[in-house]
């Protein structure tokens, strides 16, 4: 049931709409944030990752992470809220930095995974049929 359906759901005896259903989930809220990276910057970091190496690409993640922590206000606030919930206390700025960095490192690791999958036919069929 989407938000429009929940907001317009019949009210009264016999109709129960859970309050939790009225709230947008955190995953949905995160997914609504606009993409902050440009295709060109993503291609550059992917090229560096593949041609220069993983160590150089991982080192570049630090200034990239700093840029996003400084400029992505909504994502930073969402990270603070999430980390407050899971830690049970207010996070420090370095916790948010590490949260953003782990996100970036995961994306970088996917570059290597996808490259390995496309190079090794032994993976073929294990990940499902090609698109």
Protein backbone atom coordinates (compact mmCIF):
# COMPACT_ATOMS: atom_id res chain seq x y z
CA UNK A 1 0.00 0.00 0.00
CA UNK A 2 1.57 3.31 -1.03
CA UNK A 3 1.27 6.63 0.84
CA UNK A 4 -1.58 7.89 -1.34
CA UNK A 5 -3.62 4.76 -0.68
CA UNK A 6 -2.90 4.97 3.04
CA UNK A 7 -3.82 8.66 3.22
CA UNK A 8 -7.08 8.01 1.37
CA UNK A 9 -7.94 4.77 3.16
CA UNK A 10 -11.45 4.64 4.60
CA UNK A 11 -11.66 5.58 8.27
CA UNK A 12 -14.09 4.41 10.88
CA UNK A 13 -15.19 1.17 12.53
CA UNK A 14 -13.89 -1.93 10.80
CA UNK A 15 -10.98 -0.10 9.13
CA UNK A 16 -7.55 -0.19 10.70
CA UNK A 17 -4.60 1.62 9.18
CA UNK A 18 -1.39 1.06 11.08
CA UNK A 19 0.49 4.21 12.04
CA UNK A 20 3.75 2.54 10.96
CA UNK A 21 2.33 2.09 7.47
CA UNK A 22 1.83 5.86 7.25
CA UNK A 23 5.53 6.50 7.70
CA UNK A 24 7.90 6.23 4.79
CA UNK A 25 10.50 3.59 5.52
CA UNK A 26 14.10 4.71 5.90
CA UNK A 27 15.11 2.65 2.84
CA UNK A 28 12.45 4.37 0.76
CA UNK A 29 13.51 7.77 2.05
CA UNK A 30 17.16 7.09 1.20
CA UNK A 31 16.20 5.89 -2.28
CA UNK A 32 14.39 9.18 -3.00
CA UNK A 33 17.58 11.23 -2.60
CA UNK A 34 18.98 12.43 -5.93
CA UNK A 35 22.19 10.90 -7.30
CA UNK A 36 25.08 13.16 -6.33
CA UNK A 37 27.86 11.75 -8.49
CA UNK A 38 28.26 12.59 -12.15
CA UNK A 39 28.65 9.89 -14.79
CA UNK A 40 32.06 11.34 -15.72
CA UNK A 41 33.35 11.15 -12.14
CA UNK A 42 32.08 7.58 -11.80
CA UNK A 43 33.88 6.62 -15.03
CA UNK A 44 37.10 8.25 -13.80
CA UNK A 45 37.12 6.38 -10.47
CA UNK A 46 36.21 3.12 -12.25
CA UNK A 47 39.08 3.67 -14.72
CA UNK A 48 41.50 4.37 -11.85
CA UNK A 49 40.26 1.28 -10.01
CA UNK A 50 40.83 -0.95 -13.02
CA UNK A 51 43.98 0.56 -14.54
CA UNK A 52 45.88 2.07 -11.61
CA UNK A 53 44.84 -0.36 -8.92
CA UNK A 54 42.75 -0.93 -5.88
CA UNK A 55 45.12 0.79 -3.46
CA UNK A 56 45.03 4.07 -5.39
CA UNK A 57 41.26 3.88 -5.77
CA UNK A 58 40.80 3.21 -2.04
CA UNK A 59 43.04 6.17 -1.18
CA UNK A 60 40.97 8.40 -3.46
CA UNK A 61 37.87 7.42 -1.50
CA UNK A 62 39.01 9.60 1.43
CA UNK A 63 38.79 12.97 -0.35
CA UNK A 64 35.69 11.79 -2.23
CA UNK A 65 34.06 10.81 1.08
CA UNK A 66 35.02 14.16 2.61
CA UNK A 67 33.39 15.97 -0.33
CA UNK A 68 30.12 14.06 0.11
CA UNK A 69 30.07 14.41 3.90
CA UNK A 70 30.51 18.17 3.53
CA UNK A 71 28.08 18.77 0.66
CA UNK A 72 25.37 16.10 0.98
CA UNK A 73 23.31 17.68 3.76
CA UNK A 74 20.26 15.43 3.52
CA UNK A 75 22.31 12.24 3.29
CA UNK A 76 24.47 13.39 6.22
CA UNK A 77 21.38 14.09 8.35
CA UNK A 78 19.91 10.72 7.41
CA UNK A 79 23.18 9.04 8.34
CA UNK A 80 23.21 10.81 11.73
CA UNK A 81 19.62 9.69 12.37
CA UNK A 82 20.37 6.09 11.38
CA UNK A 83 23.58 5.91 13.42
CA UNK A 84 21.79 7.43 16.43
CA UNK A 85 19.15 4.67 16.22
CA UNK A 86 21.61 1.78 15.85
CA UNK A 87 24.19 3.06 18.35
CA UNK A 88 21.70 4.28 20.95
CA UNK A 89 23.54 7.61 21.31
CA UNK A 90 24.58 10.52 19.13
CA UNK A 91 27.31 9.72 16.63
CA UNK A 92 30.38 11.87 16.13
CA UNK A 93 31.35 13.31 12.75
CA UNK A 94 33.90 10.53 12.17
CA UNK A 95 31.18 7.90 12.56
CA UNK A 96 29.26 9.56 9.72
CA UNK A 97 32.47 9.84 7.69
CA UNK A 98 33.12 6.12 8.19
CA UNK A 99 29.49 5.35 7.25
CA UNK A 100 29.87 7.27 3.98
CA UNK A 101 33.30 5.72 3.36
CA UNK A 102 31.95 2.17 3.80
CA UNK A 103 29.19 2.98 1.32
CA UNK A 104 31.77 4.22 -1.22
CA UNK A 105 34.06 1.23 -0.60
CA UNK A 106 31.14 -1.12 -1.24
CA UNK A 107 30.44 0.54 -4.58
CA UNK A 108 34.13 0.33 -5.48
CA UNK A 109 34.18 -3.37 -4.59
CA UNK A 110 31.27 -3.86 -6.98
CA UNK A 111 33.45 -2.53 -9.81
CA UNK A 112 35.90 -5.36 -9.12
CA UNK A 113 33.13 -7.93 -8.72
CA UNK A 114 31.46 -6.98 -11.99
CA UNK A 115 34.80 -6.98 -13.77
CA UNK A 116 35.58 -10.46 -12.42
CA UNK A 117 32.15 -11.75 -13.38
CA UNK A 118 32.49 -10.46 -16.93
CA UNK A 119 35.98 -12.01 -17.31
CA UNK A 120 35.37 -15.46 -15.87
CA UNK A 121 32.99 -17.75 -17.65
CA UNK A 122 32.93 -20.00 -14.56
CA UNK A 123 30.56 -17.44 -13.02
CA UNK A 124 28.21 -17.70 -15.97
CA UNK A 125 24.88 -19.15 -15.03
CA UNK A 126 25.55 -18.85 -11.31
CA UNK A 127 24.22 -15.31 -11.17
CA UNK A 128 21.21 -15.97 -13.38
CA UNK A 129 20.69 -15.51 -17.09
CA UNK A 130 22.27 -12.49 -18.79
CA UNK A 131 19.98 -9.52 -19.47
